[in-house]
């Protein structure tokens, strides 16, 4: 179980690092490799710039949610299904950020 906790914390730190990296260093040009890439976000420069900024801001808002729910893991109090809980949490927050970003992009067009 200790290995699972270590993996979760490494995963969380990796995600946070990438989010912060994209917050400070957004991709400037539309590309198929890096950044928030959907059909709508890649439609034009205005959409691209908005999507990069908006999506990373939504993810930054979710960081405290993840940290609060991971506190029991850090202090060694965790359910046996912590991997499932963390995976579901990550998926829900990712889908939330995508849906909200796409709704805002549709308002631009």
N, C-alpha and C. Protein backbone atom coordinates (compact mmCIF):
# COMPACT_ATOMS: atom_id res chain seq x y z
N UNK A 1 0.81 -1.19 0.00
CA UNK A 1 0.00 0.00 0.00
C UNK A 1 0.86 1.26 0.00
N UNK A 2 2.01 1.23 0.66
CA UNK A 2 2.90 2.40 0.69
C UNK A 2 3.36 2.78 -0.70
N UNK A 3 3.56 1.79 -1.56
CA UNK A 3 3.97 2.07 -2.93
C UNK A 3 2.85 2.78 -3.68
N UNK A 4 1.60 2.40 -3.43
CA UNK A 4 0.46 3.07 -4.06
C UNK A 4 0.40 4.53 -3.64
N UNK A 5 0.61 4.79 -2.37
CA UNK A 5 0.59 6.17 -1.87
C UNK A 5 1.69 6.98 -2.52
N UNK A 6 2.86 6.40 -2.61
CA UNK A 6 3.99 7.09 -3.24
C UNK A 6 3.66 7.39 -4.71
N UNK A 7 3.07 6.43 -5.41
CA UNK A 7 2.71 6.64 -6.81
C UNK A 7 1.67 7.75 -6.97
N UNK A 8 0.70 7.78 -6.07
CA UNK A 8 -0.33 8.81 -6.12
C UNK A 8 0.29 10.18 -5.90
N UNK A 9 1.14 10.29 -4.91
CA UNK A 9 1.76 11.59 -4.62
C UNK A 9 2.67 12.04 -5.75
N UNK A 10 3.41 11.11 -6.35
CA UNK A 10 4.26 11.46 -7.50
C UNK A 10 3.39 11.91 -8.67
N UNK A 11 2.28 11.20 -8.90
CA UNK A 11 1.36 11.57 -9.97
C UNK A 11 0.79 12.97 -9.72
N UNK A 12 0.34 13.23 -8.49
CA UNK A 12 -0.21 14.54 -8.15
C UNK A 12 0.82 15.65 -8.38
N UNK A 13 2.02 15.44 -7.89
CA UNK A 13 3.07 16.45 -8.07
C UNK A 13 3.40 16.67 -9.54
N UNK A 14 3.40 15.60 -10.31
CA UNK A 14 3.66 15.72 -11.75
C UNK A 14 2.59 16.55 -12.43
N UNK A 15 1.32 16.25 -12.13
CA UNK A 15 0.21 17.01 -12.72
C UNK A 15 0.30 18.47 -12.32
N UNK A 16 0.53 18.74 -11.05
CA UNK A 16 0.64 20.13 -10.58
C UNK A 16 1.77 20.85 -11.29
N UNK A 17 2.89 20.19 -11.46
CA UNK A 17 4.04 20.80 -12.13
C UNK A 17 3.72 21.15 -13.58
N UNK A 18 3.07 20.24 -14.27
CA UNK A 18 2.72 20.48 -15.67
C UNK A 18 1.72 21.63 -15.78
N UNK A 19 0.74 21.64 -14.89
CA UNK A 19 -0.26 22.71 -14.89
C UNK A 19 0.41 24.06 -14.66
N UNK A 20 1.28 24.14 -13.68
CA UNK A 20 1.97 25.40 -13.40
C UNK A 20 2.88 25.79 -14.56
N UNK A 21 3.53 24.82 -15.17
CA UNK A 21 4.38 25.09 -16.33
C UNK A 21 3.55 25.70 -17.46
N UNK A 22 2.39 25.11 -17.74
CA UNK A 22 1.54 25.64 -18.80
C UNK A 22 0.91 26.98 -18.41
N UNK A 23 0.73 27.22 -17.13
CA UNK A 23 0.19 28.51 -16.69
C UNK A 23 1.18 29.64 -17.00
N UNK A 24 2.44 29.39 -16.74
CA UNK A 24 3.45 30.42 -16.95
C UNK A 24 4.03 30.42 -18.37
N UNK A 25 3.99 29.29 -19.05
CA UNK A 25 4.56 29.17 -20.40
C UNK A 25 3.54 28.53 -21.33
N UNK A 26 2.55 29.31 -21.73
CA UNK A 26 1.50 28.79 -22.62
C UNK A 26 2.05 28.64 -24.03
N UNK A 27 1.58 27.61 -24.75
CA UNK A 27 1.98 27.49 -26.16
C UNK A 27 1.47 28.70 -26.94
N UNK A 28 2.34 29.33 -27.67
CA UNK A 28 1.98 30.57 -28.37
C UNK A 28 1.26 30.31 -29.70
N UNK A 29 1.68 29.27 -30.40
CA UNK A 29 1.12 28.99 -31.72
C UNK A 29 0.29 27.72 -31.68
N UNK A 30 -0.74 27.68 -32.53
CA UNK A 30 -1.58 26.49 -32.63
C UNK A 30 -0.71 25.33 -33.10
N UNK A 31 -0.79 24.22 -32.38
CA UNK A 31 -0.01 23.04 -32.74
C UNK A 31 -0.75 21.78 -32.31
N UNK A 32 -0.28 20.64 -32.79
CA UNK A 32 -0.93 19.36 -32.47
C UNK A 32 -0.18 18.58 -31.39
N UNK A 33 0.79 19.20 -30.75
CA UNK A 33 1.61 18.48 -29.78
C UNK A 33 1.39 18.92 -28.33
N UNK A 34 1.33 20.22 -28.09
CA UNK A 34 1.34 20.74 -26.73
C UNK A 34 0.19 21.71 -26.52
N UNK A 35 -0.45 21.62 -25.37
CA UNK A 35 -1.50 22.56 -25.01
C UNK A 35 -2.87 21.91 -25.02
N UNK A 36 -3.88 22.73 -24.77
CA UNK A 36 -5.26 22.29 -24.79
C UNK A 36 -5.69 22.25 -26.25
N UNK A 37 -5.90 21.04 -26.78
CA UNK A 37 -6.14 20.88 -28.20
C UNK A 37 -7.49 20.20 -28.45
N UNK A 38 -8.44 20.99 -28.91
CA UNK A 38 -9.71 20.46 -29.40
C UNK A 38 -9.98 21.15 -30.73
N UNK A 39 -10.96 20.65 -31.44
CA UNK A 39 -11.28 21.26 -32.73
C UNK A 39 -11.62 22.74 -32.58
N UNK A 40 -12.39 23.05 -31.56
CA UNK A 40 -12.80 24.44 -31.34
C UNK A 40 -11.64 25.31 -30.87
N UNK A 41 -10.77 24.77 -30.03
CA UNK A 41 -9.65 25.58 -29.54
C UNK A 41 -8.62 25.85 -30.64
N UNK A 42 -8.58 25.00 -31.64
CA UNK A 42 -7.61 25.15 -32.72
C UNK A 42 -8.19 25.86 -33.94
N UNK A 43 -9.41 26.34 -33.81
CA UNK A 43 -10.11 26.98 -34.93
C UNK A 43 -9.41 28.25 -35.39
N UNK A 44 -8.94 29.05 -34.43
CA UNK A 44 -8.23 30.29 -34.78
C UNK A 44 -7.35 30.72 -33.60
N UNK A 45 -6.55 31.76 -33.81
CA UNK A 45 -5.61 32.23 -32.78
C UNK A 45 -6.34 32.71 -31.52
N UNK A 46 -7.44 33.41 -31.71
CA UNK A 46 -8.19 33.93 -30.57
C UNK A 46 -8.67 32.78 -29.67
N UNK A 47 -9.25 31.76 -30.27
CA UNK A 47 -9.71 30.59 -29.52
C UNK A 47 -8.54 29.89 -28.84
N UNK A 48 -7.44 29.75 -29.57
CA UNK A 48 -6.27 29.05 -29.03
C UNK A 48 -5.76 29.74 -27.77
N UNK A 49 -5.55 31.04 -27.86
CA UNK A 49 -5.03 31.78 -26.72
C UNK A 49 -5.99 31.73 -25.54
N UNK A 50 -7.28 31.89 -25.82
CA UNK A 50 -8.27 31.83 -24.75
C UNK A 50 -8.28 30.45 -24.09
N UNK A 51 -8.30 29.41 -24.89
CA UNK A 51 -8.38 28.04 -24.36
C UNK A 51 -7.17 27.70 -23.50
N UNK A 52 -5.99 28.10 -23.93
CA UNK A 52 -4.78 27.80 -23.15
C UNK A 52 -4.85 28.46 -21.78
N UNK A 53 -5.27 29.69 -21.75
CA UNK A 53 -5.35 30.43 -20.50
C UNK A 53 -6.49 29.92 -19.62
N UNK A 54 -7.67 29.79 -20.18
CA UNK A 54 -8.85 29.41 -19.41
C UNK A 54 -8.72 28.00 -18.82
N UNK A 55 -8.26 27.06 -19.63
CA UNK A 55 -8.14 25.67 -19.17
C UNK A 55 -7.15 25.55 -18.02
N UNK A 56 -6.00 26.19 -18.14
CA UNK A 56 -5.02 26.09 -17.05
C UNK A 56 -5.54 26.78 -15.79
N UNK A 57 -6.28 27.87 -15.94
CA UNK A 57 -6.86 28.52 -14.75
C UNK A 57 -7.87 27.60 -14.07
N UNK A 58 -8.67 26.90 -14.84
CA UNK A 58 -9.64 25.95 -14.25
C UNK A 58 -8.90 24.84 -13.52
N UNK A 59 -7.81 24.37 -14.09
CA UNK A 59 -7.05 23.32 -13.42
C UNK A 59 -6.39 23.83 -12.15
N UNK A 60 -5.92 25.05 -12.16
CA UNK A 60 -5.31 25.62 -10.96
C UNK A 60 -6.36 25.72 -9.84
N UNK A 61 -7.59 26.01 -10.19
CA UNK A 61 -8.66 26.05 -9.20
C UNK A 61 -8.89 24.66 -8.59
N UNK A 62 -8.68 23.62 -9.36
CA UNK A 62 -8.92 22.26 -8.86
C UNK A 62 -7.78 21.73 -7.99
N UNK A 63 -6.62 22.36 -8.04
CA UNK A 63 -5.48 21.89 -7.25
C UNK A 63 -5.81 21.84 -5.76
N UNK A 64 -6.40 22.88 -5.17
CA UNK A 64 -6.74 22.78 -3.74
C UNK A 64 -7.71 21.64 -3.44
N UNK A 65 -8.64 21.39 -4.35
CA UNK A 65 -9.58 20.28 -4.15
C UNK A 65 -8.82 18.96 -4.07
N UNK A 66 -7.90 18.77 -4.97
CA UNK A 66 -7.12 17.54 -4.97
C UNK A 66 -6.27 17.46 -3.71
N UNK A 67 -5.62 18.55 -3.36
CA UNK A 67 -4.77 18.54 -2.16
C UNK A 67 -5.56 18.22 -0.89
N UNK A 68 -6.72 18.83 -0.76
CA UNK A 68 -7.54 18.58 0.43
C UNK A 68 -7.94 17.12 0.52
N UNK A 69 -8.30 16.54 -0.60
CA UNK A 69 -8.70 15.13 -0.56
C UNK A 69 -7.51 14.19 -0.43
N UNK A 70 -6.30 14.69 -0.72
CA UNK A 70 -5.11 13.85 -0.60
C UNK A 70 -4.45 13.95 0.78
N UNK A 71 -4.90 14.88 1.61
CA UNK A 71 -4.31 15.04 2.95
C UNK A 71 -4.33 13.73 3.74
N UNK A 72 -5.44 12.98 3.74
CA UNK A 72 -5.40 11.70 4.46
C UNK A 72 -4.31 10.75 3.95
N UNK A 73 -4.04 10.81 2.66
CA UNK A 73 -2.98 9.96 2.09
C UNK A 73 -1.63 10.38 2.66
N UNK A 74 -1.39 11.66 2.72
CA UNK A 74 -0.10 12.18 3.20
C UNK A 74 0.14 11.77 4.65
N UNK A 75 -0.91 11.76 5.44
CA UNK A 75 -0.77 11.42 6.86
C UNK A 75 -1.02 9.95 7.16
N UNK A 76 -1.14 9.15 6.13
CA UNK A 76 -1.23 7.71 6.32
C UNK A 76 -2.61 7.17 6.64
N UNK A 77 -3.61 8.00 6.59
CA UNK A 77 -4.98 7.53 6.80
C UNK A 77 -5.64 7.47 5.44
N UNK A 78 -5.87 6.28 4.95
CA UNK A 78 -6.39 6.14 3.60
C UNK A 78 -7.21 4.86 3.50
N UNK A 79 -8.22 4.91 2.64
CA UNK A 79 -8.99 3.69 2.39
C UNK A 79 -8.22 2.76 1.46
N UNK A 80 -8.61 1.52 1.44
CA UNK A 80 -7.93 0.54 0.59
C UNK A 80 -8.16 0.84 -0.89
N UNK A 81 -9.18 1.59 -1.18
CA UNK A 81 -9.50 1.89 -2.58
C UNK A 81 -8.99 3.27 -3.01
N UNK A 82 -7.90 3.72 -2.42
CA UNK A 82 -7.38 5.07 -2.71
C UNK A 82 -7.01 5.25 -4.18
N UNK A 83 -6.50 4.22 -4.83
CA UNK A 83 -6.15 4.35 -6.25
C UNK A 83 -7.40 4.61 -7.08
N UNK A 84 -8.46 3.91 -6.78
CA UNK A 84 -9.71 4.10 -7.51
C UNK A 84 -10.26 5.50 -7.24
N UNK A 85 -10.25 5.91 -5.99
CA UNK A 85 -10.75 7.24 -5.63
C UNK A 85 -9.94 8.33 -6.34
N UNK A 86 -8.64 8.21 -6.33
CA UNK A 86 -7.79 9.21 -6.99
C UNK A 86 -8.03 9.23 -8.50
N UNK A 87 -8.17 8.07 -9.10
CA UNK A 87 -8.43 7.99 -10.54
C UNK A 87 -9.76 8.61 -10.92
N UNK A 88 -10.79 8.33 -10.15
CA UNK A 88 -12.11 8.89 -10.40
C UNK A 88 -12.08 10.41 -10.21
N UNK A 89 -11.43 10.84 -9.16
CA UNK A 89 -11.32 12.28 -8.88
C UNK A 89 -10.63 13.00 -10.03
N UNK A 90 -9.52 12.46 -10.49
CA UNK A 90 -8.78 13.07 -11.60
C UNK A 90 -9.64 13.13 -12.86
N UNK A 91 -10.35 12.05 -13.14
CA UNK A 91 -11.20 11.99 -14.33
C UNK A 91 -12.32 13.02 -14.25
N UNK A 92 -12.99 13.09 -13.11
CA UNK A 92 -14.09 14.05 -12.95
C UNK A 92 -13.60 15.48 -13.11
N UNK A 93 -12.49 15.81 -12.48
CA UNK A 93 -11.97 17.18 -12.58
C UNK A 93 -11.49 17.51 -13.99
N UNK A 94 -10.93 16.52 -14.68
CA UNK A 94 -10.50 16.74 -16.07
C UNK A 94 -11.71 17.00 -16.97
N UNK A 95 -12.74 16.18 -16.83
CA UNK A 95 -13.94 16.34 -17.64
C UNK A 95 -14.59 17.70 -17.33
N UNK A 96 -14.64 18.06 -16.06
CA UNK A 96 -15.18 19.36 -15.67
C UNK A 96 -14.44 20.50 -16.38
N UNK A 97 -13.12 20.48 -16.33
CA UNK A 97 -12.32 21.54 -16.95
C UNK A 97 -12.54 21.59 -18.46
N UNK A 98 -12.65 20.44 -19.08
CA UNK A 98 -12.87 20.39 -20.54
C UNK A 98 -14.25 20.93 -20.89
N UNK A 99 -15.28 20.49 -20.18
CA UNK A 99 -16.65 20.93 -20.48
C UNK A 99 -16.79 22.44 -20.31
N UNK A 100 -16.26 22.96 -19.21
CA UNK A 100 -16.35 24.40 -18.96
C UNK A 100 -15.59 25.18 -20.02
N UNK A 101 -14.41 24.70 -20.39
CA UNK A 101 -13.61 25.39 -21.42
C UNK A 101 -14.33 25.39 -22.76
N UNK A 102 -14.90 24.26 -23.13
CA UNK A 102 -15.60 24.17 -24.41
C UNK A 102 -16.85 25.07 -24.43
N UNK A 103 -17.56 25.15 -23.31
CA UNK A 103 -18.73 26.05 -23.25
C UNK A 103 -18.30 27.50 -23.44
N UNK A 104 -17.20 27.87 -22.80
CA UNK A 104 -16.72 29.25 -22.94
C UNK A 104 -16.22 29.53 -24.37
N UNK A 105 -15.59 28.54 -24.97
CA UNK A 105 -15.14 28.71 -26.36
C UNK A 105 -16.33 28.90 -27.30
N UNK A 106 -17.41 28.18 -27.06
CA UNK A 106 -18.60 28.33 -27.91
C UNK A 106 -19.18 29.73 -27.78
N UNK A 107 -19.07 30.33 -26.61
CA UNK A 107 -19.56 31.70 -26.43
C UNK A 107 -18.75 32.70 -27.25
N UNK A 108 -17.48 32.39 -27.48
CA UNK A 108 -16.62 33.28 -28.28
C UNK A 108 -17.01 33.29 -29.75
N UNK A 109 -17.58 32.17 -30.20
CA UNK A 109 -17.86 32.02 -31.64
C UNK A 109 -19.27 32.32 -32.01
